[in-house]
Amino acid sequence: VELARALAAEPSLLLLDEPASGLNHEEV
């Protein structure tokens, strides 16, 4: 959801801060 919200602003540069934090192996 947070990723979708960041994309809603139509960025040309997307900064992802620890996107895999808290995810399990399959989710990563």
mmCIF file of all heavy atoms, coordinates in Angstrom:
data_MODEL
# 
_entry.id   MODEL 
# 
loop_
_atom_site.group_PDB 
_atom_site.id 
_atom_site.type_symbol 
_atom_site.label_atom_id 
_atom_site.label_alt_id 
_atom_site.label_comp_id 
_atom_site.label_asym_id 
_atom_site.label_entity_id 
_atom_site.label_seq_id 
_atom_site.pdbx_PDB_ins_code 
_atom_site.Cartn_x 
_atom_site.Cartn_y 
_atom_site.Cartn_z 
_atom_site.occupancy 
_atom_site.B_iso_or_equiv 
_atom_site.pdbx_formal_charge 
_atom_site.auth_seq_id 
_atom_site.auth_comp_id 
_atom_site.auth_asym_id 
_atom_site.auth_atom_id 
_atom_site.pdbx_PDB_model_num 
ATOM 1   N N   . VAL A 1 1  ? 0.844  -1.204  0.000   1.00 0.00 ? 1  VAL A N   1 
ATOM 2   C CA  . VAL A 1 1  ? 0.000  0.000   0.000   1.00 0.00 ? 1  VAL A CA  1 
ATOM 3   C C   . VAL A 1 1  ? 0.875  1.248   0.000   1.00 0.00 ? 1  VAL A C   1 
ATOM 4   O O   . VAL A 1 1  ? 0.622  2.203   -0.753  1.00 0.00 ? 1  VAL A O   1 
ATOM 5   C CB  . VAL A 1 1  ? -0.950 0.015   1.225   1.00 0.00 ? 1  VAL A CB  1 
ATOM 6   C CG1 . VAL A 1 1  ? -1.737 1.327   1.258   1.00 0.00 ? 1  VAL A CG1 1 
ATOM 7   C CG2 . VAL A 1 1  ? -1.900 -1.174  1.177   1.00 0.00 ? 1  VAL A CG2 1 
ATOM 8   N N   . GLU A 1 2  ? 1.910  1.264   0.820   1.00 0.00 ? 2  GLU A N   1 
ATOM 9   C CA  . GLU A 1 2  ? 2.783  2.428   0.856   1.00 0.00 ? 2  GLU A CA  1 
ATOM 10  C C   . GLU A 1 2  ? 3.495  2.615   -0.478  1.00 0.00 ? 2  GLU A C   1 
ATOM 11  O O   . GLU A 1 2  ? 3.686  3.740   -0.949  1.00 0.00 ? 2  GLU A O   1 
ATOM 12  C CB  . GLU A 1 2  ? 3.805  2.320   1.985   1.00 0.00 ? 2  GLU A CB  1 
ATOM 13  C CG  . GLU A 1 2  ? 4.590  3.618   2.128   1.00 0.00 ? 2  GLU A CG  1 
ATOM 14  C CD  . GLU A 1 2  ? 5.573  3.604   3.276   1.00 0.00 ? 2  GLU A CD  1 
ATOM 15  O OE1 . GLU A 1 2  ? 6.275  2.598   3.443   1.00 0.00 ? 2  GLU A OE1 1 
ATOM 16  O OE2 . GLU A 1 2  ? 5.649  4.621   3.977   1.00 0.00 ? 2  GLU A OE2 1 
ATOM 17  N N   . LEU A 1 3  ? 3.862  1.510   -1.112  1.00 0.00 ? 3  LEU A N   1 
ATOM 18  C CA  . LEU A 1 3  ? 4.492  1.595   -2.430  1.00 0.00 ? 3  LEU A CA  1 
ATOM 19  C C   . LEU A 1 3  ? 3.521  2.184   -3.451  1.00 0.00 ? 3  LEU A C   1 
ATOM 20  O O   . LEU A 1 3  ? 3.890  3.055   -4.252  1.00 0.00 ? 3  LEU A O   1 
ATOM 21  C CB  . LEU A 1 3  ? 4.957  0.203   -2.858  1.00 0.00 ? 3  LEU A CB  1 
ATOM 22  C CG  . LEU A 1 3  ? 5.643  0.076   -4.219  1.00 0.00 ? 3  LEU A CG  1 
ATOM 23  C CD1 . LEU A 1 3  ? 6.815  1.039   -4.347  1.00 0.00 ? 3  LEU A CD1 1 
ATOM 24  C CD2 . LEU A 1 3  ? 6.117  -1.362  -4.427  1.00 0.00 ? 3  LEU A CD2 1 
ATOM 25  N N   . ALA A 1 4  ? 2.267  1.744   -3.403  1.00 0.00 ? 4  ALA A N   1 
ATOM 26  C CA  . ALA A 1 4  ? 1.253  2.292   -4.316  1.00 0.00 ? 4  ALA A CA  1 
ATOM 27  C C   . ALA A 1 4  ? 1.064  3.779   -4.092  1.00 0.00 ? 4  ALA A C   1 
ATOM 28  O O   . ALA A 1 4  ? 0.924  4.554   -5.040  1.00 0.00 ? 4  ALA A O   1 
ATOM 29  C CB  . ALA A 1 4  ? -0.063 1.548   -4.130  1.00 0.00 ? 4  ALA A CB  1 
ATOM 30  N N   . ARG A 1 5  ? 1.061  4.189   -2.817  1.00 0.00 ? 5  ARG A N   1 
ATOM 31  C CA  . ARG A 1 5  ? 0.886  5.612   -2.520  1.00 0.00 ? 5  ARG A CA  1 
ATOM 32  C C   . ARG A 1 5  ? 2.051  6.440   -3.055  1.00 0.00 ? 5  ARG A C   1 
ATOM 33  O O   . ARG A 1 5  ? 1.847  7.535   -3.589  1.00 0.00 ? 5  ARG A O   1 
ATOM 34  C CB  . ARG A 1 5  ? 0.736  5.825   -1.008  1.00 0.00 ? 5  ARG A CB  1 
ATOM 35  C CG  . ARG A 1 5  ? 0.363  7.266   -0.664  1.00 0.00 ? 5  ARG A CG  1 
ATOM 36  C CD  . ARG A 1 5  ? 0.165  7.467   0.812   1.00 0.00 ? 5  ARG A CD  1 
ATOM 37  N NE  . ARG A 1 5  ? 1.392  7.257   1.568   1.00 0.00 ? 5  ARG A NE  1 
ATOM 38  C CZ  . ARG A 1 5  ? 1.470  7.381   2.889   1.00 0.00 ? 5  ARG A CZ  1 
ATOM 39  N NH1 . ARG A 1 5  ? 0.406  7.694   3.594   1.00 0.00 ? 5  ARG A NH1 1 
ATOM 40  N NH2 . ARG A 1 5  ? 2.622  7.178   3.515   1.00 0.00 ? 5  ARG A NH2 1 
ATOM 41  N N   . ALA A 1 6  ? 3.284  5.928   -2.933  1.00 0.00 ? 6  ALA A N   1 
ATOM 42  C CA  . ALA A 1 6  ? 4.442  6.639   -3.469  1.00 0.00 ? 6  ALA A CA  1 
ATOM 43  C C   . ALA A 1 6  ? 4.345  6.758   -4.991  1.00 0.00 ? 6  ALA A C   1 
ATOM 44  O O   . ALA A 1 6  ? 4.697  7.789   -5.571  1.00 0.00 ? 6  ALA A O   1 
ATOM 45  C CB  . ALA A 1 6  ? 5.729  5.928   -3.068  1.00 0.00 ? 6  ALA A CB  1 
ATOM 46  N N   . LEU A 1 7  ? 3.847  5.702   -5.637  1.00 0.00 ? 7  LEU A N   1 
ATOM 47  C CA  . LEU A 1 7  ? 3.729  5.712   -7.096  1.00 0.00 ? 7  LEU A CA  1 
ATOM 48  C C   . LEU A 1 7  ? 2.602  6.626   -7.582  1.00 0.00 ? 7  LEU A C   1 
ATOM 49  O O   . LEU A 1 7  ? 2.611  7.070   -8.731  1.00 0.00 ? 7  LEU A O   1 
ATOM 50  C CB  . LEU A 1 7  ? 3.488  4.294   -7.610  1.00 0.00 ? 7  LEU A CB  1 
ATOM 51  C CG  . LEU A 1 7  ? 4.653  3.313   -7.435  1.00 0.00 ? 7  LEU A CG  1 
ATOM 52  C CD1 . LEU A 1 7  ? 4.206  1.902   -7.781  1.00 0.00 ? 7  LEU A CD1 1 
ATOM 53  C CD2 . LEU A 1 7  ? 5.831  3.731   -8.306  1.00 0.00 ? 7  LEU A CD2 1 
ATOM 54  N N   . ALA A 1 8  ? 1.644  6.916   -6.711  1.00 0.00 ? 8  ALA A N   1 
ATOM 55  C CA  . ALA A 1 8  ? 0.500  7.748   -7.103  1.00 0.00 ? 8  ALA A CA  1 
ATOM 56  C C   . ALA A 1 8  ? 0.921  9.150   -7.508  1.00 0.00 ? 8  ALA A C   1 
ATOM 57  O O   . ALA A 1 8  ? 0.230  9.819   -8.276  1.00 0.00 ? 8  ALA A O   1 
ATOM 58  C CB  . ALA A 1 8  ? -0.515 7.812   -5.967  1.00 0.00 ? 8  ALA A CB  1 
ATOM 59  N N   . ALA A 1 9  ? 2.050  9.614   -7.000  1.00 0.00 ? 9  ALA A N   1 
ATOM 60  C CA  . ALA A 1 9  ? 2.541  10.950  -7.350  1.00 0.00 ? 9  ALA A CA  1 
ATOM 61  C C   . ALA A 1 9  ? 3.248  10.968  -8.702  1.00 0.00 ? 9  ALA A C   1 
ATOM 62  O O   . ALA A 1 9  ? 3.766  12.009  -9.111  1.00 0.00 ? 9  ALA A O   1 
ATOM 63  C CB  . ALA A 1 9  ? 3.488  11.461  -6.271  1.00 0.00 ? 9  ALA A CB  1 
ATOM 64  N N   . GLU A 1 10 ? 3.288  9.803   -9.381  1.00 0.00 ? 10 GLU A N   1 
ATOM 65  C CA  . GLU A 1 10 ? 3.914  9.675   -10.699 1.00 0.00 ? 10 GLU A CA  1 
ATOM 66  C C   . GLU A 1 10 ? 5.371  10.133  -10.688 1.00 0.00 ? 10 GLU A C   1 
ATOM 67  O O   . GLU A 1 10 ? 5.788  10.977  -11.495 1.00 0.00 ? 10 GLU A O   1 
ATOM 68  C CB  . GLU A 1 10 ? 3.115  10.441  -11.759 1.00 0.00 ? 10 GLU A CB  1 
ATOM 69  C CG  . GLU A 1 10 ? 1.694  9.940   -11.913 1.00 0.00 ? 10 GLU A CG  1 
ATOM 70  C CD  . GLU A 1 10 ? 0.913  10.696  -12.976 1.00 0.00 ? 10 GLU A CD  1 
ATOM 71  O OE1 . GLU A 1 10 ? 1.538  11.475  -13.740 1.00 0.00 ? 10 GLU A OE1 1 
ATOM 72  O OE2 . GLU A 1 10 ? -0.315 10.519  -13.047 1.00 0.00 ? 10 GLU A OE2 1 
ATOM 73  N N   . PRO A 1 11 ? 6.181  9.582   -9.779  1.00 0.00 ? 11 PRO A N   1 
ATOM 74  C CA  . PRO A 1 11 ? 7.595  9.991   -9.737  1.00 0.00 ? 11 PRO A CA  1 
ATOM 75  C C   . PRO A 1 11 ? 8.377  9.431   -10.910 1.00 0.00 ? 11 PRO A C   1 
ATOM 76  O O   . PRO A 1 11 ? 8.016  8.393   -11.485 1.00 0.00 ? 11 PRO A O   1 
ATOM 77  C CB  . PRO A 1 11 ? 8.075  9.367   -8.418  1.00 0.00 ? 11 PRO A CB  1 
ATOM 78  C CG  . PRO A 1 11 ? 7.239  8.134   -8.276  1.00 0.00 ? 11 PRO A CG  1 
ATOM 79  C CD  . PRO A 1 11 ? 5.882  8.520   -8.802  1.00 0.00 ? 11 PRO A CD  1 
ATOM 80  N N   . SER A 1 12 ? 9.445  10.103  -11.254 1.00 0.00 ? 12 SER A N   1 
ATOM 81  C CA  . SER A 1 12 ? 10.400 9.535   -12.210 1.00 0.00 ? 12 SER A CA  1 
ATOM 82  C C   . SER A 1 12 ? 11.554 8.879   -11.474 1.00 0.00 ? 12 SER A C   1 
ATOM 83  O O   . SER A 1 12 ? 12.265 8.032   -12.030 1.00 0.00 ? 12 SER A O   1 
ATOM 84  C CB  . SER A 1 12 ? 10.917 10.618  -13.165 1.00 0.00 ? 12 SER A CB  1 
ATOM 85  O OG  . SER A 1 12 ? 11.380 11.754  -12.469 1.00 0.00 ? 12 SER A OG  1 
ATOM 86  N N   . LEU A 1 13 ? 11.761 9.262   -10.181 1.00 0.00 ? 13 LEU A N   1 
ATOM 87  C CA  . LEU A 1 13 ? 12.743 8.624   -9.309  1.00 0.00 ? 13 LEU A CA  1 
ATOM 88  C C   . LEU A 1 13 ? 12.019 8.131   -8.063  1.00 0.00 ? 13 LEU A C   1 
ATOM 89  O O   . LEU A 1 13 ? 11.378 8.906   -7.360  1.00 0.00 ? 13 LEU A O   1 
ATOM 90  C CB  . LEU A 1 13 ? 13.844 9.603   -8.901  1.00 0.00 ? 13 LEU A CB  1 
ATOM 91  C CG  . LEU A 1 13 ? 14.860 9.087   -7.876  1.00 0.00 ? 13 LEU A CG  1 
ATOM 92  C CD1 . LEU A 1 13 ? 15.671 7.925   -8.452  1.00 0.00 ? 13 LEU A CD1 1 
ATOM 93  C CD2 . LEU A 1 13 ? 15.789 10.208  -7.411  1.00 0.00 ? 13 LEU A CD2 1 
ATOM 94  N N   . LEU A 1 14 ? 12.119 6.821   -7.807  1.00 0.00 ? 14 LEU A N   1 
ATOM 95  C CA  . LEU A 1 14 ? 11.471 6.217   -6.650  1.00 0.00 ? 14 LEU A CA  1 
ATOM 96  C C   . LEU A 1 14 ? 12.540 5.814   -5.643  1.00 0.00 ? 14 LEU A C   1 
ATOM 97  O O   . LEU A 1 14 ? 13.447 5.038   -5.956  1.00 0.00 ? 14 LEU A O   1 
ATOM 98  C CB  . LEU A 1 14 ? 10.664 4.994   -7.080  1.00 0.00 ? 14 LEU A CB  1 
ATOM 99  C CG  . LEU A 1 14 ? 9.931  4.216   -5.977  1.00 0.00 ? 14 LEU A CG  1 
ATOM 100 C CD1 . LEU A 1 14 ? 8.876  5.093   -5.301  1.00 0.00 ? 14 LEU A CD1 1 
ATOM 101 C CD2 . LEU A 1 14 ? 9.283  2.960   -6.558  1.00 0.00 ? 14 LEU A CD2 1 
ATOM 102 N N   . LEU A 1 15 ? 12.442 6.352   -4.415  1.00 0.00 ? 15 LEU A N   1 
ATOM 103 C CA  . LEU A 1 15 ? 13.358 6.029   -3.332  1.00 0.00 ? 15 LEU A CA  1 
ATOM 104 C C   . LEU A 1 15 ? 12.688 4.993   -2.436  1.00 0.00 ? 15 LEU A C   1 
ATOM 105 O O   . LEU A 1 15 ? 11.636 5.264   -1.860  1.00 0.00 ? 15 LEU A O   1 
ATOM 106 C CB  . LEU A 1 15 ? 13.691 7.280   -2.519  1.00 0.00 ? 15 LEU A CB  1 
ATOM 107 C CG  . LEU A 1 15 ? 14.184 8.506   -3.286  1.00 0.00 ? 15 LEU A CG  1 
ATOM 108 C CD1 . LEU A 1 15 ? 14.381 9.684   -2.328  1.00 0.00 ? 15 LEU A CD1 1 
ATOM 109 C CD2 . LEU A 1 15 ? 15.476 8.201   -4.032  1.00 0.00 ? 15 LEU A CD2 1 
ATOM 110 N N   . LEU A 1 16 ? 13.295 3.822   -2.328  1.00 0.00 ? 16 LEU A N   1 
ATOM 111 C CA  . LEU A 1 16 ? 12.749 2.750   -1.501  1.00 0.00 ? 16 LEU A CA  1 
ATOM 112 C C   . LEU A 1 16 ? 13.648 2.569   -0.285  1.00 0.00 ? 16 LEU A C   1 
ATOM 113 O O   . LEU A 1 16 ? 14.806 2.175   -0.415  1.00 0.00 ? 16 LEU A O   1 
ATOM 114 C CB  . LEU A 1 16 ? 12.664 1.444   -2.297  1.00 0.00 ? 16 LEU A CB  1 
ATOM 115 C CG  . LEU A 1 16 ? 11.772 1.457   -3.541  1.00 0.00 ? 16 LEU A CG  1 
ATOM 116 C CD1 . LEU A 1 16 ? 11.810 0.109   -4.240  1.00 0.00 ? 16 LEU A CD1 1 
ATOM 117 C CD2 . LEU A 1 16 ? 10.337 1.822   -3.168  1.00 0.00 ? 16 LEU A CD2 1 
ATOM 118 N N   . ASP A 1 17 ? 13.095 2.839   0.895   1.00 0.00 ? 17 ASP A N   1 
ATOM 119 C CA  . ASP A 1 17 ? 13.862 2.768   2.137   1.00 0.00 ? 17 ASP A CA  1 
ATOM 120 C C   . ASP A 1 17 ? 13.534 1.463   2.856   1.00 0.00 ? 17 ASP A C   1 
ATOM 121 O O   . ASP A 1 17 ? 12.460 1.320   3.439   1.00 0.00 ? 17 ASP A O   1 
ATOM 122 C CB  . ASP A 1 17 ? 13.522 3.969   3.027   1.00 0.00 ? 17 ASP A CB  1 
ATOM 123 C CG  . ASP A 1 17 ? 14.460 4.112   4.209   1.00 0.00 ? 17 ASP A CG  1 
ATOM 124 O OD1 . ASP A 1 17 ? 15.322 3.233   4.394   1.00 0.00 ? 17 ASP A OD1 1 
ATOM 125 O OD2 . ASP A 1 17 ? 14.323 5.096   4.957   1.00 0.00 ? 17 ASP A OD2 1 
ATOM 126 N N   . GLU A 1 18 ? 14.451 0.491   2.796   1.00 0.00 ? 18 GLU A N   1 
ATOM 127 C CA  . GLU A 1 18 ? 14.295 -0.821  3.430   1.00 0.00 ? 18 GLU A CA  1 
ATOM 128 C C   . GLU A 1 18 ? 12.962 -1.481  3.053   1.00 0.00 ? 18 GLU A C   1 
ATOM 129 O O   . GLU A 1 18 ? 12.175 -1.871  3.924   1.00 0.00 ? 18 GLU A O   1 
ATOM 130 C CB  . GLU A 1 18 ? 14.386 -0.689  4.954   1.00 0.00 ? 18 GLU A CB  1 
ATOM 131 C CG  . GLU A 1 18 ? 15.707 -0.148  5.461   1.00 0.00 ? 18 GLU A CG  1 
ATOM 132 C CD  . GLU A 1 18 ? 16.800 -1.217  5.514   1.00 0.00 ? 18 GLU A CD  1 
ATOM 133 O OE1 . GLU A 1 18 ? 16.538 -2.353  5.100   1.00 0.00 ? 18 GLU A OE1 1 
ATOM 134 O OE2 . GLU A 1 18 ? 17.903 -0.878  5.963   1.00 0.00 ? 18 GLU A OE2 1 
ATOM 135 N N   . PRO A 1 19 ? 12.682 -1.647  1.752   1.00 0.00 ? 19 PRO A N   1 
ATOM 136 C CA  . PRO A 1 19 ? 11.384 -2.211  1.361   1.00 0.00 ? 19 PRO A CA  1 
ATOM 137 C C   . PRO A 1 19 ? 11.186 -3.658  1.809   1.00 0.00 ? 19 PRO A C   1 
ATOM 138 O O   . PRO A 1 19 ? 10.050 -4.116  1.944   1.00 0.00 ? 19 PRO A O   1 
ATOM 139 C CB  . PRO A 1 19 ? 11.398 -2.116  -0.172  1.00 0.00 ? 19 PRO A CB  1 
ATOM 140 C CG  . PRO A 1 19 ? 12.856 -2.116  -0.535  1.00 0.00 ? 19 PRO A CG  1 
ATOM 141 C CD  . PRO A 1 19 ? 13.516 -1.344  0.580   1.00 0.00 ? 19 PRO A CD  1 
ATOM 142 N N   . ALA A 1 20 ? 12.277 -4.414  2.052   1.00 0.00 ? 20 ALA A N   1 
ATOM 143 C CA  . ALA A 1 20 ? 12.147 -5.821  2.460   1.00 0.00 ? 20 ALA A CA  1 
ATOM 144 C C   . ALA A 1 20 ? 12.107 -6.005  3.970   1.00 0.00 ? 20 ALA A C   1 
ATOM 145 O O   . ALA A 1 20 ? 11.939 -7.126  4.444   1.00 0.00 ? 20 ALA A O   1 
ATOM 146 C CB  . ALA A 1 20 ? 13.300 -6.634  1.872   1.00 0.00 ? 20 ALA A CB  1 
ATOM 147 N N   . SER A 1 21 ? 12.238 -4.915  4.711   1.00 0.00 ? 21 SER A N   1 
ATOM 148 C CA  . SER A 1 21 ? 12.252 -5.018  6.179   1.00 0.00 ? 21 SER A CA  1 
ATOM 149 C C   . SER A 1 21 ? 10.945 -5.614  6.696   1.00 0.00 ? 21 SER A C   1 
ATOM 150 O O   . SER A 1 21 ? 9.855  -5.148  6.365   1.00 0.00 ? 21 SER A O   1 
ATOM 151 C CB  . SER A 1 21 ? 12.453 -3.625  6.791   1.00 0.00 ? 21 SER A CB  1 
ATOM 152 O OG  . SER A 1 21 ? 12.343 -3.667  8.189   1.00 0.00 ? 21 SER A OG  1 
ATOM 153 N N   . GLY A 1 22 ? 11.047 -6.664  7.499   1.00 0.00 ? 22 GLY A N   1 
ATOM 154 C CA  . GLY A 1 22 ? 9.868  -7.280  8.095   1.00 0.00 ? 22 GLY A CA  1 
ATOM 155 C C   . GLY A 1 22 ? 9.157  -8.285  7.225   1.00 0.00 ? 22 GLY A C   1 
ATOM 156 O O   . GLY A 1 22 ? 8.154  -8.866  7.642   1.00 0.00 ? 22 GLY A O   1 
ATOM 157 N N   . LEU A 1 23 ? 9.653  -8.529  6.005   1.00 0.00 ? 23 LEU A N   1 
ATOM 158 C CA  . LEU A 1 23 ? 9.015  -9.481  5.099   1.00 0.00 ? 23 LEU A CA  1 
ATOM 159 C C   . LEU A 1 23 ? 9.637  -10.865 5.238   1.00 0.00 ? 23 LEU A C   1 
ATOM 160 O O   . LEU A 1 23 ? 10.817 -11.003 5.550   1.00 0.00 ? 23 LEU A O   1 
ATOM 161 C CB  . LEU A 1 23 ? 9.151  -9.003  3.645   1.00 0.00 ? 23 LEU A CB  1 
ATOM 162 C CG  . LEU A 1 23 ? 8.597  -7.618  3.303   1.00 0.00 ? 23 LEU A CG  1 
ATOM 163 C CD1 . LEU A 1 23 ? 8.716  -7.363  1.807   1.00 0.00 ? 23 LEU A CD1 1 
ATOM 164 C CD2 . LEU A 1 23 ? 7.140  -7.472  3.755   1.00 0.00 ? 23 LEU A CD2 1 
ATOM 165 N N   . ASN A 1 24 ? 8.835  -11.893 4.962   1.00 0.00 ? 24 ASN A N   1 
ATOM 166 C CA  . ASN A 1 24 ? 9.381  -13.246 4.979   1.00 0.00 ? 24 ASN A CA  1 
ATOM 167 C C   . ASN A 1 24 ? 10.043 -13.561 3.628   1.00 0.00 ? 24 ASN A C   1 
ATOM 168 O O   . ASN A 1 24 ? 10.005 -12.755 2.703   1.00 0.00 ? 24 ASN A O   1 
ATOM 169 C CB  . ASN A 1 24 ? 8.295  -14.280 5.335   1.00 0.00 ? 24 ASN A CB  1 
ATOM 170 C CG  . ASN A 1 24 ? 7.156  -14.307 4.311   1.00 0.00 ? 24 ASN A CG  1 
ATOM 171 O OD1 . ASN A 1 24 ? 7.373  -14.172 3.109   1.00 0.00 ? 24 ASN A OD1 1 
ATOM 172 N ND2 . ASN A 1 24 ? 5.936  -14.482 4.804   1.00 0.00 ? 24 ASN A ND2 1 
ATOM 173 N N   . HIS A 1 25 ? 10.655 -14.749 3.537   1.00 0.00 ? 25 HIS A N   1 
ATOM 174 C CA  . HIS A 1 25 ? 11.445 -15.091 2.347   1.00 0.00 ? 25 HIS A CA  1 
ATOM 175 C C   . HIS A 1 25 ? 10.607 -15.032 1.069   1.00 0.00 ? 25 HIS A C   1 
ATOM 176 O O   . HIS A 1 25 ? 11.047 -14.476 0.050   1.00 0.00 ? 25 HIS A O   1 
ATOM 177 C CB  . HIS A 1 25 ? 12.043 -16.487 2.507   1.00 0.00 ? 25 HIS A CB  1 
ATOM 178 C CG  . HIS A 1 25 ? 12.853 -16.936 1.335   1.00 0.00 ? 25 HIS A CG  1 
ATOM 179 N ND1 . HIS A 1 25 ? 14.119 -16.427 1.055   1.00 0.00 ? 25 HIS A ND1 1 
ATOM 180 C CD2 . HIS A 1 25 ? 12.575 -17.822 0.339   1.00 0.00 ? 25 HIS A CD2 1 
ATOM 181 C CE1 . HIS A 1 25 ? 14.582 -16.991 -0.056  1.00 0.00 ? 25 HIS A CE1 1 
ATOM 182 N NE2 . HIS A 1 25 ? 13.670 -17.843 -0.501  1.00 0.00 ? 25 HIS A NE2 1 
ATOM 183 N N   . GLU A 1 26 ? 9.407  -15.580 1.126   1.00 0.00 ? 26 GLU A N   1 
ATOM 184 C CA  . GLU A 1 26 ? 8.543  -15.584 -0.058  1.00 0.00 ? 26 GLU A CA  1 
ATOM 185 C C   . GLU A 1 26 ? 8.170  -14.164 -0.457  1.00 0.00 ? 26 GLU A C   1 
ATOM 186 O O   . GLU A 1 26 ? 8.162  -13.815 -1.651  1.00 0.00 ? 26 GLU A O   1 
ATOM 187 C CB  . GLU A 1 26 ? 7.283  -16.412 0.206   1.00 0.00 ? 26 GLU A CB  1 
ATOM 188 C CG  . GLU A 1 26 ? 6.349  -16.503 -0.997  1.00 0.00 ? 26 GLU A CG  1 
ATOM 189 C CD  . GLU A 1 26 ? 5.091  -17.296 -0.707  1.00 0.00 ? 26 GLU A CD  1 
ATOM 190 O OE1 . GLU A 1 26 ? 4.948  -17.790 0.444   1.00 0.00 ? 26 GLU A OE1 1 
ATOM 191 O OE2 . GLU A 1 26 ? 4.248  -17.417 -1.605  1.00 0.00 ? 26 GLU A OE2 1 
ATOM 192 N N   . GLU A 1 27 ? 7.851  -13.330 0.533   1.00 0.00 ? 27 GLU A N   1 
ATOM 193 C CA  . GLU A 1 27 ? 7.469  -11.936 0.242   1.00 0.00 ? 27 GLU A CA  1 
ATOM 194 C C   . GLU A 1 27 ? 8.638  -11.161 -0.347  1.00 0.00 ? 27 GLU A C   1 
ATOM 195 O O   . GLU A 1 27 ? 8.438  -10.306 -1.222  1.00 0.00 ? 27 GLU A O   1 
ATOM 196 C CB  . GLU A 1 27 ? 6.972  -11.264 1.521   1.00 0.00 ? 27 GLU A CB  1 
ATOM 197 C CG  . GLU A 1 27 ? 5.615  -11.773 1.998   1.00 0.00 ? 27 GLU A CG  1 
ATOM 198 C CD  . GLU A 1 27 ? 5.235  -11.250 3.378   1.00 0.00 ? 27 GLU A CD  1 
ATOM 199 O OE1 . GLU A 1 27 ? 6.145  -10.971 4.194   1.00 0.00 ? 27 GLU A OE1 1 
ATOM 200 O OE2 . GLU A 1 27 ? 4.023  -11.119 3.653   1.00 0.00 ? 27 GLU A OE2 1 
ATOM 201 N N   . VAL A 1 28 ? 9.863  -11.434 0.107   1.00 0.00 ? 28 VAL A N   1 
ATOM 202 C CA  . VAL A 1 28 ? 11.037 -10.750 -0.435  1.00 0.00 ? 28 VAL A CA  1 
ATOM 203 C C   . VAL A 1 28 ? 11.234 -11.120 -1.906  1.00 0.00 ? 28 VAL A C   1 
ATOM 204 O O   . VAL A 1 28 ? 11.538 -10.261 -2.742  1.00 0.00 ? 28 VAL A O   1 
ATOM 205 C CB  . VAL A 1 28 ? 12.300 -11.099 0.386   1.00 0.00 ? 28 VAL A CB  1 
ATOM 206 C CG1 . VAL A 1 28 ? 13.551 -10.568 -0.313  1.00 0.00 ? 28 VAL A CG1 1 
ATOM 207 C CG2 . VAL A 1 28 ? 12.200 -10.499 1.783   1.00 0.00 ? 28 VAL A CG2 1 
# 
